[in-house]
Amino acid sequence: NKAAEDELQERNRQIEGEGYDGDHDAHYVEHQLERAAACYATANFHPQTPVQPSLWPWEREWWKPKSHRQNLVVAAALLLAAIEKIDRAEANGSVCSEEKS
């Protein structure tokens, strides 16, 4: 369906366009992907204040909310990246460092 296609397309954009592949994501050890996803998923709760949420894990310039639907697509792609990270760790016979906390 279109929603799933858009989420996969966004994840591919993150990988191919931004270079945020599995090797890059492996450096996150404080739930940054999940925190960023939460920020995008809730960005439209208070649209009158497009301020960077306190939960946002990265630099201010990387906070780029858009429409409610697009924010949800980005959130879903970030969650997909987090799940992929866990799957890679399990496939390598280890536990994702974030799973320990």
PDB file of N, CA and C in Angstrom:
ATOM      1  N   ASN A   1       0.834  -1.185   0.000  1.00  0.00           N
ATOM      2  CA  ASN A   1       0.000   0.000   0.000  1.00  0.00           C
ATOM      3  C   ASN A   1       0.880   1.251   0.000  1.00  0.00           C
ATOM      4  N   LYS A   2       0.270   2.381  -0.248  1.00  0.00           N
ATOM      5  CA  LYS A   2       1.034   3.624  -0.400  1.00  0.00           C
ATOM      6  C   LYS A   2       1.787   4.001   0.869  1.00  0.00           C
ATOM      7  N   ALA A   3       1.177   3.832   2.020  1.00  0.00           N
ATOM      8  CA  ALA A   3       1.849   4.207   3.267  1.00  0.00           C
ATOM      9  C   ALA A   3       3.139   3.407   3.453  1.00  0.00           C
ATOM     10  N   ALA A   4       3.069   2.103   3.279  1.00  0.00           N
ATOM     11  CA  ALA A   4       4.250   1.257   3.431  1.00  0.00           C
ATOM     12  C   ALA A   4       5.304   1.599   2.382  1.00  0.00           C
ATOM     13  N   GLU A   5       4.872   1.845   1.161  1.00  0.00           N
ATOM     14  CA  GLU A   5       5.811   2.230   0.107  1.00  0.00           C
ATOM     15  C   GLU A   5       6.520   3.533   0.459  1.00  0.00           C
ATOM     16  N   ASP A   6       5.777   4.502   0.972  1.00  0.00           N
ATOM     17  CA  ASP A   6       6.371   5.788   1.343  1.00  0.00           C
ATOM     18  C   ASP A   6       7.376   5.627   2.483  1.00  0.00           C
ATOM     19  N   GLU A   7       7.064   4.760   3.439  1.00  0.00           N
ATOM     20  CA  GLU A   7       7.985   4.513   4.546  1.00  0.00           C
ATOM     21  C   GLU A   7       9.287   3.884   4.042  1.00  0.00           C
ATOM     22  N   LEU A   8       9.166   2.896   3.163  1.00  0.00           N
ATOM     23  CA  LEU A   8      10.365   2.258   2.604  1.00  0.00           C
ATOM     24  C   LEU A   8      11.148   3.232   1.738  1.00  0.00           C
ATOM     25  N   GLN A   9      10.438   4.054   0.992  1.00  0.00           N
ATOM     26  CA  GLN A   9      11.110   5.057   0.162  1.00  0.00           C
ATOM     27  C   GLN A   9      11.875   6.050   1.045  1.00  0.00           C
ATOM     28  N   GLU A  10      11.285   6.461   2.151  1.00  0.00           N
ATOM     29  CA  GLU A  10      11.967   7.369   3.072  1.00  0.00           C
ATOM     30  C   GLU A  10      13.184   6.696   3.687  1.00  0.00           C
ATOM     31  N   ARG A  11      13.060   5.436   4.064  1.00  0.00           N
ATOM     32  CA  ARG A  11      14.204   4.722   4.627  1.00  0.00           C
ATOM     33  C   ARG A  11      15.320   4.632   3.591  1.00  0.00           C
ATOM     34  N   ASN A  12      14.969   4.339   2.344  1.00  0.00           N
ATOM     35  CA  ASN A  12      15.976   4.297   1.276  1.00  0.00           C
ATOM     36  C   ASN A  12      16.616   5.663   1.065  1.00  0.00           C
ATOM     37  N   ARG A  13      15.834   6.729   1.192  1.00  0.00           N
ATOM     38  CA  ARG A  13      16.386   8.084   1.064  1.00  0.00           C
ATOM     39  C   ARG A  13      17.379   8.349   2.192  1.00  0.00           C
ATOM     40  N   GLN A  14      17.048   7.906   3.390  1.00  0.00           N
ATOM     41  CA  GLN A  14      17.959   8.078   4.517  1.00  0.00           C
ATOM     42  C   GLN A  14      19.284   7.363   4.260  1.00  0.00           C
ATOM     43  N   ILE A  15      19.198   6.176   3.691  1.00  0.00           N
ATOM     44  CA  ILE A  15      20.405   5.383   3.428  1.00  0.00           C
ATOM     45  C   ILE A  15      21.179   5.953   2.244  1.00  0.00           C
ATOM     46  N   GLU A  16      20.513   6.075   1.114  1.00  0.00           N
ATOM     47  CA  GLU A  16      21.197   6.456  -0.120  1.00  0.00           C
ATOM     48  C   GLU A  16      21.466   7.953  -0.220  1.00  0.00           C
ATOM     49  N   GLY A  17      20.536   8.760   0.241  1.00  0.00           N
ATOM     50  CA  GLY A  17      20.687  10.207   0.124  1.00  0.00           C
ATOM     51  C   GLY A  17      21.472  10.842   1.249  1.00  0.00           C
ATOM     52  N   GLU A  18      21.353  10.287   2.454  1.00  0.00           N
ATOM     53  CA  GLU A  18      21.992  10.876   3.623  1.00  0.00           C
ATOM     54  C   GLU A  18      23.171  10.051   4.136  1.00  0.00           C
ATOM     55  N   GLY A  19      23.277   8.799   3.688  1.00  0.00           N
ATOM     56  CA  GLY A  19      24.368   7.942   4.138  1.00  0.00           C
ATOM     57  C   GLY A  19      24.134   7.309   5.498  1.00  0.00           C
ATOM     58  N   TYR A  20      22.872   7.300   5.942  1.00  0.00           N
ATOM     59  CA  TYR A  20      22.544   6.730   7.252  1.00  0.00           C
ATOM     60  C   TYR A  20      22.229   5.247   7.107  1.00  0.00           C
ATOM     61  N   ASP A  21      23.258   4.478   6.818  1.00  0.00           N
ATOM     62  CA  ASP A  21      23.100   3.039   6.632  1.00  0.00           C
ATOM     63  C   ASP A  21      23.347   2.309   7.947  1.00  0.00           C
ATOM     64  N   GLY A  22      23.383   1.007   7.893  1.00  0.00           N
ATOM     65  CA  GLY A  22      23.565   0.205   9.089  1.00  0.00           C
ATOM     66  C   GLY A  22      24.860   0.507   9.828  1.00  0.00           C
ATOM     67  N   ASP A  23      25.940   0.736   9.095  1.00  0.00           N
ATOM     68  CA  ASP A  23      27.212   1.056   9.745  1.00  0.00           C
ATOM     69  C   ASP A  23      27.104   2.367  10.519  1.00  0.00           C
ATOM     70  N   HIS A  24      26.444   3.332   9.927  1.00  0.00           N
ATOM     71  CA  HIS A  24      26.245   4.619  10.593  1.00  0.00           C
ATOM     72  C   HIS A  24      25.357   4.449  11.819  1.00  0.00           C
ATOM     73  N   ASP A  25      24.251   3.744  11.655  1.00  0.00           N
ATOM     74  CA  ASP A  25      23.294   3.572  12.751  1.00  0.00           C
ATOM     75  C   ASP A  25      23.879   2.779  13.917  1.00  0.00           C
ATOM     76  N   ALA A  26      24.871   1.953  13.657  1.00  0.00           N
ATOM     77  CA  ALA A  26      25.482   1.140  14.714  1.00  0.00           C
ATOM     78  C   ALA A  26      26.142   2.008  15.783  1.00  0.00           C
ATOM     79  N   HIS A  27      26.464   3.231  15.447  1.00  0.00           N
ATOM     80  CA  HIS A  27      27.116   4.125  16.410  1.00  0.00           C
ATOM     81  C   HIS A  27      26.140   4.698  17.441  1.00  0.00           C
ATOM     82  N   TYR A  28      24.865   4.561  17.206  1.00  0.00           N
ATOM     83  CA  TYR A  28      23.887   5.076  18.156  1.00  0.00           C
ATOM     84  C   TYR A  28      23.724   4.086  19.298  1.00  0.00           C
ATOM     85  N   VAL A  29      23.960   4.545  20.513  1.00  0.00           N
ATOM     86  CA  VAL A  29      23.883   3.666  21.675  1.00  0.00           C
ATOM     87  C   VAL A  29      22.970   4.216  22.769  1.00  0.00           C
ATOM     88  N   GLU A  30      22.275   5.292  22.471  1.00  0.00           N
ATOM     89  CA  GLU A  30      21.383   5.908  23.459  1.00  0.00           C
ATOM     90  C   GLU A  30      19.969   6.087  22.908  1.00  0.00           C
ATOM     91  N   HIS A  31      19.529   5.143  22.122  1.00  0.00           N
ATOM     92  CA  HIS A  31      18.170   5.143  21.565  1.00  0.00           C
ATOM     93  C   HIS A  31      17.868   6.388  20.726  1.00  0.00           C
ATOM     94  N   GLN A  32      18.870   6.901  20.039  1.00  0.00           N
ATOM     95  CA  GLN A  32      18.659   8.102  19.228  1.00  0.00           C
ATOM     96  C   GLN A  32      17.617   7.904  18.136  1.00  0.00           C
ATOM     97  N   LEU A  33      17.633   6.751  17.482  1.00  0.00           N
ATOM     98  CA  LEU A  33      16.667   6.520  16.404  1.00  0.00           C
ATOM     99  C   LEU A  33      15.245   6.520  16.943  1.00  0.00           C
ATOM    100  N   GLU A  34      15.043   5.839  18.044  1.00  0.00           N
ATOM    101  CA  GLU A  34      13.708   5.776  18.643  1.00  0.00           C
ATOM    102  C   GLU A  34      13.255   7.138  19.154  1.00  0.00           C
ATOM    103  N   ARG A  35      14.187   7.882  19.752  1.00  0.00           N
ATOM    104  CA  ARG A  35      13.853   9.215  20.260  1.00  0.00           C
ATOM    105  C   ARG A  35      13.481  10.158  19.121  1.00  0.00           C
ATOM    106  N   ALA A  36      14.242  10.092  18.035  1.00  0.00           N
ATOM    107  CA  ALA A  36      13.933  10.943  16.877  1.00  0.00           C
ATOM    108  C   ALA A  36      12.576  10.561  16.288  1.00  0.00           C
ATOM    109  N   ALA A  37      12.298   9.265  16.226  1.00  0.00           N
ATOM    110  CA  ALA A  37      11.002   8.806  15.711  1.00  0.00           C
ATOM    111  C   ALA A  37       9.872   9.342  16.577  1.00  0.00           C
ATOM    112  N   ALA A  38      10.048   9.287  17.882  1.00  0.00           N
ATOM    113  CA  ALA A  38       9.017   9.801  18.790  1.00  0.00           C
ATOM    114  C   ALA A  38       8.784  11.292  18.566  1.00  0.00           C
ATOM    115  N   CYS A  39       9.839  12.023  18.340  1.00  0.00           N
ATOM    116  CA  CYS A  39       9.710  13.466  18.093  1.00  0.00           C
ATOM    117  C   CYS A  39       8.913  13.732  16.822  1.00  0.00           C
ATOM    118  N   TYR A  40       9.238  13.020  15.751  1.00  0.00           N
ATOM    119  CA  TYR A  40       8.490  13.217  14.503  1.00  0.00           C
ATOM    120  C   TYR A  40       7.053  12.753  14.627  1.00  0.00           C
ATOM    121  N   ALA A  41       6.833  11.653  15.329  1.00  0.00           N
ATOM    122  CA  ALA A  41       5.473  11.127  15.464  1.00  0.00           C
ATOM    123  C   ALA A  41       4.568  12.083  16.234  1.00  0.00           C
ATOM    124  N   THR A  42       5.154  12.867  17.110  1.00  0.00           N
ATOM    125  CA  THR A  42       4.350  13.782  17.935  1.00  0.00           C
ATOM    126  C   THR A  42       4.525  15.245  17.551  1.00  0.00           C
ATOM    127  N   ALA A  43       5.199  15.508  16.459  1.00  0.00           N
ATOM    128  CA  ALA A  43       5.504  16.894  16.064  1.00  0.00           C
ATOM    129  C   ALA A  43       4.258  17.741  15.872  1.00  0.00           C
ATOM    130  N   ASN A  44       3.173  17.145  15.465  1.00  0.00           N
ATOM    131  CA  ASN A  44       1.975  17.918  15.180  1.00  0.00           C
ATOM    132  C   ASN A  44       1.029  18.026  16.369  1.00  0.00           C
ATOM    133  N   PHE A  45       1.447  17.539  17.519  1.00  0.00           N
ATOM    134  CA  PHE A  45       0.613  17.697  18.715  1.00  0.00           C
ATOM    135  C   PHE A  45       0.464  19.171  19.062  1.00  0.00           C
ATOM    136  N   HIS A  46       1.523  19.942  18.828  1.00  0.00           N
ATOM    137  CA  HIS A  46       1.526  21.373  19.120  1.00  0.00           C
ATOM    138  C   HIS A  46       2.107  22.122  17.917  1.00  0.00           C
ATOM    139  N   PRO A  47       1.394  22.138  16.800  1.00  0.00           N
ATOM    140  CA  PRO A  47       1.951  22.726  15.578  1.00  0.00           C
ATOM    141  C   PRO A  47       2.236  24.221  15.691  1.00  0.00           C
ATOM    142  N   GLN A  48       1.618  24.894  16.648  1.00  0.00           N
ATOM    143  CA  GLN A  48       1.862  26.322  16.791  1.00  0.00           C
ATOM    144  C   GLN A  48       3.252  26.605  17.365  1.00  0.00           C
ATOM    145  N   THR A  49       3.908  25.593  17.914  1.00  0.00           N
ATOM    146  CA  THR A  49       5.250  25.768  18.455  1.00  0.00           C
ATOM    147  C   THR A  49       6.204  24.760  17.817  1.00  0.00           C
ATOM    148  N   PRO A  50       6.712  25.078  16.627  1.00  0.00           N
ATOM    149  CA  PRO A  50       7.607  24.146  15.927  1.00  0.00           C
ATOM    150  C   PRO A  50       9.024  24.155  16.504  1.00  0.00           C
ATOM    151  N   VAL A  51       9.102  24.058  17.818  1.00  0.00           N
ATOM    152  CA  VAL A  51      10.380  24.091  18.515  1.00  0.00           C
ATOM    153  C   VAL A  51      10.942  22.681  18.597  1.00  0.00           C
ATOM    154  N   GLN A  52      12.231  22.607  18.557  1.00  0.00           N
ATOM    155  CA  GLN A  52      12.892  21.305  18.692  1.00  0.00           C
ATOM    156  C   GLN A  52      12.506  20.681  20.036  1.00  0.00           C
ATOM    157  N   PRO A  53      11.969  19.463  20.035  1.00  0.00           N
ATOM    158  CA  PRO A  53      11.594  18.806  21.290  1.00  0.00           C
ATOM    159  C   PRO A  53      12.820  18.500  22.155  1.00  0.00           C
ATOM    160  N   SER A  54      12.628  18.484  23.452  1.00  0.00           N
ATOM    161  CA  SER A  54      13.741  18.197  24.362  1.00  0.00           C
ATOM    162  C   SER A  54      14.262  16.770  24.176  1.00  0.00           C
ATOM    163  N   LEU A  55      13.431  15.878  23.664  1.00  0.00           N
ATOM    164  CA  LEU A  55      13.821  14.488  23.421  1.00  0.00           C
ATOM    165  C   LEU A  55      14.684  14.339  22.159  1.00  0.00           C
ATOM    166  N   TRP A  56      14.723  15.375  21.325  1.00  0.00           N
ATOM    167  CA  TRP A  56      15.459  15.317  20.051  1.00  0.00           C
ATOM    168  C   TRP A  56      16.928  15.004  20.323  1.00  0.00           C
ATOM    169  N   PRO A  57      17.478  13.960  19.676  1.00  0.00           N
ATOM    170  CA  PRO A  57      18.824  13.495  20.017  1.00  0.00           C
ATOM    171  C   PRO A  57      19.975  14.164  19.267  1.00  0.00           C
ATOM    172  N   TRP A  58      19.660  14.971  18.265  1.00  0.00           N
ATOM    173  CA  TRP A  58      20.730  15.501  17.423  1.00  0.00           C
ATOM    174  C   TRP A  58      20.724  17.019  17.397  1.00  0.00           C
ATOM    175  N   GLU A  59      21.579  17.572  16.575  1.00  0.00           N
ATOM    176  CA  GLU A  59      21.706  19.021  16.448  1.00  0.00           C
ATOM    177  C   GLU A  59      20.408  19.654  15.956  1.00  0.00           C
ATOM    178  N   ARG A  60      20.206  20.891  16.321  1.00  0.00           N
ATOM    179  CA  ARG A  60      18.989  21.645  15.985  1.00  0.00           C
ATOM    180  C   ARG A  60      18.712  21.649  14.479  1.00  0.00           C
ATOM    181  N   GLU A  61      19.733  21.798  13.664  1.00  0.00           N
ATOM    182  CA  GLU A  61      19.506  21.918  12.211  1.00  0.00           C
ATOM    183  C   GLU A  61      18.953  20.648  11.585  1.00  0.00           C
ATOM    184  N   TRP A  62      19.012  19.528  12.297  1.00  0.00           N
ATOM    185  CA  TRP A  62      18.475  18.281  11.761  1.00  0.00           C
ATOM    186  C   TRP A  62      17.000  18.101  12.082  1.00  0.00           C
ATOM    187  N   TRP A  63      16.428  18.978  12.878  1.00  0.00           N
ATOM    188  CA  TRP A  63      14.997  18.917  13.203  1.00  0.00           C
ATOM    189  C   TRP A  63      14.242  19.639  12.096  1.00  0.00           C
ATOM    190  N   LYS A  64      13.536  18.866  11.254  1.00  0.00           N
ATOM    191  CA  LYS A  64      12.868  19.422  10.078  1.00  0.00           C
ATOM    192  C   LYS A  64      11.450  18.875   9.930  1.00  0.00           C
ATOM    193  N   PRO A  65      10.561  19.195  10.857  1.00  0.00           N
ATOM    194  CA  PRO A  65       9.192  18.684  10.728  1.00  0.00           C
ATOM    195  C   PRO A  65       8.483  19.278   9.521  1.00  0.00           C
ATOM    196  N   LYS A  66       7.562  18.502   8.985  1.00  0.00           N
ATOM    197  CA  LYS A  66       6.794  18.931   7.821  1.00  0.00           C
ATOM    198  C   LYS A  66       5.316  18.690   8.109  1.00  0.00           C
ATOM    199  N   SER A  67       4.602  18.154   7.157  1.00  0.00           N
ATOM    200  CA  SER A  67       3.179  17.870   7.364  1.00  0.00           C
ATOM    201  C   SER A  67       3.030  16.689   8.329  1.00  0.00           C
ATOM    202  N   HIS A  68       1.853  16.558   8.892  1.00  0.00           N
ATOM    203  CA  HIS A  68       1.602  15.473   9.842  1.00  0.00           C
ATOM    204  C   HIS A  68       1.899  14.117   9.202  1.00  0.00           C
ATOM    205  N   ARG A  69       1.413  13.891   7.976  1.00  0.00           N
ATOM    206  CA  ARG A  69       1.651  12.607   7.310  1.00  0.00           C
ATOM    207  C   ARG A  69       3.134  12.382   7.052  1.00  0.00           C
ATOM    208  N   GLN A  70       3.815  13.397   6.548  1.00  0.00           N
ATOM    209  CA  GLN A  70       5.241  13.242   6.266  1.00  0.00           C
ATOM    210  C   GLN A  70       6.031  12.993   7.550  1.00  0.00           C
ATOM    211  N   ASN A  71       5.652  13.649   8.630  1.00  0.00           N
ATOM    212  CA  ASN A  71       6.326  13.397   9.904  1.00  0.00           C
ATOM    213  C   ASN A  71       6.139  11.947  10.339  1.00  0.00           C
ATOM    214  N   LEU A  72       4.944  11.400  10.136  1.00  0.00           N
ATOM    215  CA  LEU A  72       4.696  10.002  10.496  1.00  0.00           C
ATOM    216  C   LEU A  72       5.492   9.055   9.609  1.00  0.00           C
ATOM    217  N   VAL A  73       5.645   9.388   8.338  1.00  0.00           N
ATOM    218  CA  VAL A  73       6.448   8.572   7.423  1.00  0.00           C
ATOM    219  C   VAL A  73       7.906   8.565   7.887  1.00  0.00           C
ATOM    220  N   VAL A  74       8.425   9.733   8.241  1.00  0.00           N
ATOM    221  CA  VAL A  74       9.805   9.821   8.727  1.00  0.00           C
ATOM    222  C   VAL A  74       9.949   9.036  10.030  1.00  0.00           C
ATOM    223  N   ALA A  75       8.979   9.182  10.935  1.00  0.00           N
ATOM    224  CA  ALA A  75       9.011   8.443  12.198  1.00  0.00           C
ATOM    225  C   ALA A  75       9.044   6.934  11.940  1.00  0.00           C
ATOM    226  N   ALA A  76       8.213   6.462  11.032  1.00  0.00           N
ATOM    227  CA  ALA A  76       8.166   5.033  10.717  1.00  0.00           C
ATOM    228  C   ALA A  76       9.492   4.561  10.124  1.00  0.00           C
ATOM    229  N   ALA A  77      10.099   5.364   9.276  1.00  0.00           N
ATOM    230  CA  ALA A  77      11.385   4.992   8.684  1.00  0.00           C
ATOM    231  C   ALA A  77      12.481   4.946   9.747  1.00  0.00           C
ATOM    232  N   LEU A  78      12.441   5.865  10.697  1.00  0.00           N
ATOM    233  CA  LEU A  78      13.412   5.845  11.788  1.00  0.00           C
ATOM    234  C   LEU A  78      13.219   4.607  12.670  1.00  0.00           C
ATOM    235  N   LEU A  79      11.969   4.240  12.916  1.00  0.00           N
ATOM    236  CA  LEU A  79      11.706   3.024  13.678  1.00  0.00           C
ATOM    237  C   LEU A  79      12.183   1.793  12.915  1.00  0.00           C
ATOM    238  N   LEU A  80      12.000   1.796  11.598  1.00  0.00           N
ATOM    239  CA  LEU A  80      12.504   0.698  10.777  1.00  0.00           C
ATOM    240  C   LEU A  80      14.020   0.594  10.915  1.00  0.00           C
ATOM    241  N   ALA A  81      14.701   1.726  10.917  1.00  0.00           N
ATOM    242  CA  ALA A  81      16.155   1.723  11.104  1.00  0.00           C
ATOM    243  C   ALA A  81      16.527   1.139  12.460  1.00  0.00           C
ATOM    244  N   ALA A  82      15.769   1.479  13.500  1.00  0.00           N
ATOM    245  CA  ALA A  82      16.040   0.949  14.837  1.00  0.00           C
ATOM    246  C   ALA A  82      15.829  -0.568  14.877  1.00  0.00           C
ATOM    247  N   ILE A  83      14.778  -1.038  14.232  1.00  0.00           N
ATOM    248  CA  ILE A  83      14.505  -2.475  14.181  1.00  0.00           C
ATOM    249  C   ILE A  83      15.597  -3.199  13.393  1.00  0.00           C
ATOM    250  N   GLU A  84      16.013  -2.607  12.279  1.00  0.00           N
ATOM    251  CA  GLU A  84      17.093  -3.194  11.485  1.00  0.00           C
ATOM    252  C   GLU A  84      18.369  -3.312  12.319  1.00  0.00           C
ATOM    253  N   LYS A  85      18.632  -2.312  13.137  1.00  0.00           N
ATOM    254  CA  LYS A  85      19.814  -2.324  13.994  1.00  0.00           C
ATOM    255  C   LYS A  85      19.762  -3.508  14.962  1.00  0.00           C
ATOM    256  N   ILE A  86      18.622  -3.718  15.573  1.00  0.00           N
ATOM    257  CA  ILE A  86      18.443  -4.850  16.486  1.00  0.00           C
ATOM    258  C   ILE A  86      18.620  -6.171  15.735  1.00  0.00           C
ATOM    259  N   ASP A  87      18.023  -6.265  14.555  1.00  0.00           N
ATOM    260  CA  ASP A  87      18.129  -7.494  13.756  1.00  0.00           C
ATOM    261  C   ASP A  87      19.574  -7.786  13.370  1.00  0.00           C
ATOM    262  N   ARG A  88      20.338  -6.748  12.998  1.00  0.00           N
ATOM    263  CA  ARG A  88      21.750  -6.951  12.641  1.00  0.00           C
ATOM    264  C   ARG A  88      22.532  -7.468  13.844  1.00  0.00           C
ATOM    265  N   ALA A  89      22.275  -6.892  15.002  1.00  0.00           N
ATOM    266  CA  ALA A  89      22.983  -7.333  16.215  1.00  0.00           C
ATOM    267  C   ALA A  89      22.658  -8.792  16.511  1.00  0.00           C
ATOM    268  N   GLU A  90      21.401  -9.168  16.415  1.00  0.00           N
ATOM    269  CA  GLU A  90      20.998 -10.551  16.684  1.00  0.00           C
ATOM    270  C   GLU A  90      21.604 -11.503  15.664  1.00  0.00           C
ATOM    271  N   ALA A  91      21.647 -11.085  14.389  1.00  0.00           N
ATOM    272  CA  ALA A  91      22.232 -11.932  13.345  1.00  0.00           C
ATOM    273  C   ALA A  91      23.716 -12.146  13.576  1.00  0.00           C
ATOM    274  N   ASN A  92      24.360 -11.171  14.221  1.00  0.00           N
ATOM    275  CA  ASN A  92      25.798 -11.287  14.535  1.00  0.00           C
ATOM    276  C   ASN A  92      26.036 -11.995  15.855  1.00  0.00           C
ATOM    277  N   GLY A  93      24.970 -12.482  16.476  1.00  0.00           N
ATOM    278  CA  GLY A  93      25.093 -13.210  17.721  1.00  0.00           C
ATOM    279  C   GLY A  93      25.325 -12.339  18.934  1.00  0.00           C
ATOM    280  N   SER A  94      25.004 -11.063  18.807  1.00  0.00           N
ATOM    281  CA  SER A  94      25.170 -10.178  19.957  1.00  0.00           C
ATOM    282  C   SER A  94      23.851  -9.513  20.284  1.00  0.00           C
ATOM    283  N   VAL A  95      23.849  -8.836  21.382  1.00  0.00           N
ATOM    284  CA  VAL A  95      22.676  -8.081  21.779  1.00  0.00           C
ATOM    285  C   VAL A  95      22.954  -6.628  21.487  1.00  0.00           C
ATOM    286  N   CYS A  96      22.004  -5.963  20.875  1.00  0.00           N
ATOM    287  CA  CYS A  96      22.134  -4.549  20.599  1.00  0.00           C
ATOM    288  C   CYS A  96      22.404  -3.825  21.921  1.00  0.00           C
ATOM    289  N   SER A  97      23.381  -2.956  21.960  1.00  0.00           N
ATOM    290  CA  SER A  97      23.752  -2.278  23.208  1.00  0.00           C
ATOM    291  C   SER A  97      22.570  -1.563  23.833  1.00  0.00           C
ATOM    292  N   GLU A  98      21.664  -1.102  23.041  1.00  0.00           N
ATOM    293  CA  GLU A  98      20.496  -0.395  23.568  1.00  0.00           C
ATOM    294  C   GLU A  98      19.504  -1.372  24.197  1.00  0.00           C
ATOM    295  N   GLU A  99      19.586  -2.630  23.834  1.00  0.00           N
ATOM    296  CA  GLU A  99      18.704  -3.633  24.403  1.00  0.00           C
ATOM    297  C   GLU A  99      19.058  -3.909  25.861  1.00  0.00           C
ATOM    298  N   LYS A 100      20.285  -3.619  26.238  1.00  0.00           N
ATOM    299  CA  LYS A 100      20.736  -3.876  27.601  1.00  0.00           C
ATOM    300  C   LYS A 100      20.201  -2.854  28.587  1.00  0.00           C
ATOM    301  N   SER A 101      19.874  -1.673  28.089  1.00  0.00           N
ATOM    302  CA  SER A 101      19.444  -0.603  28.998  1.00  0.00           C
ATOM    303  C   SER A 101      17.974  -0.638  29.258  1.00  0.00           C
TER     304      SER A 101
END
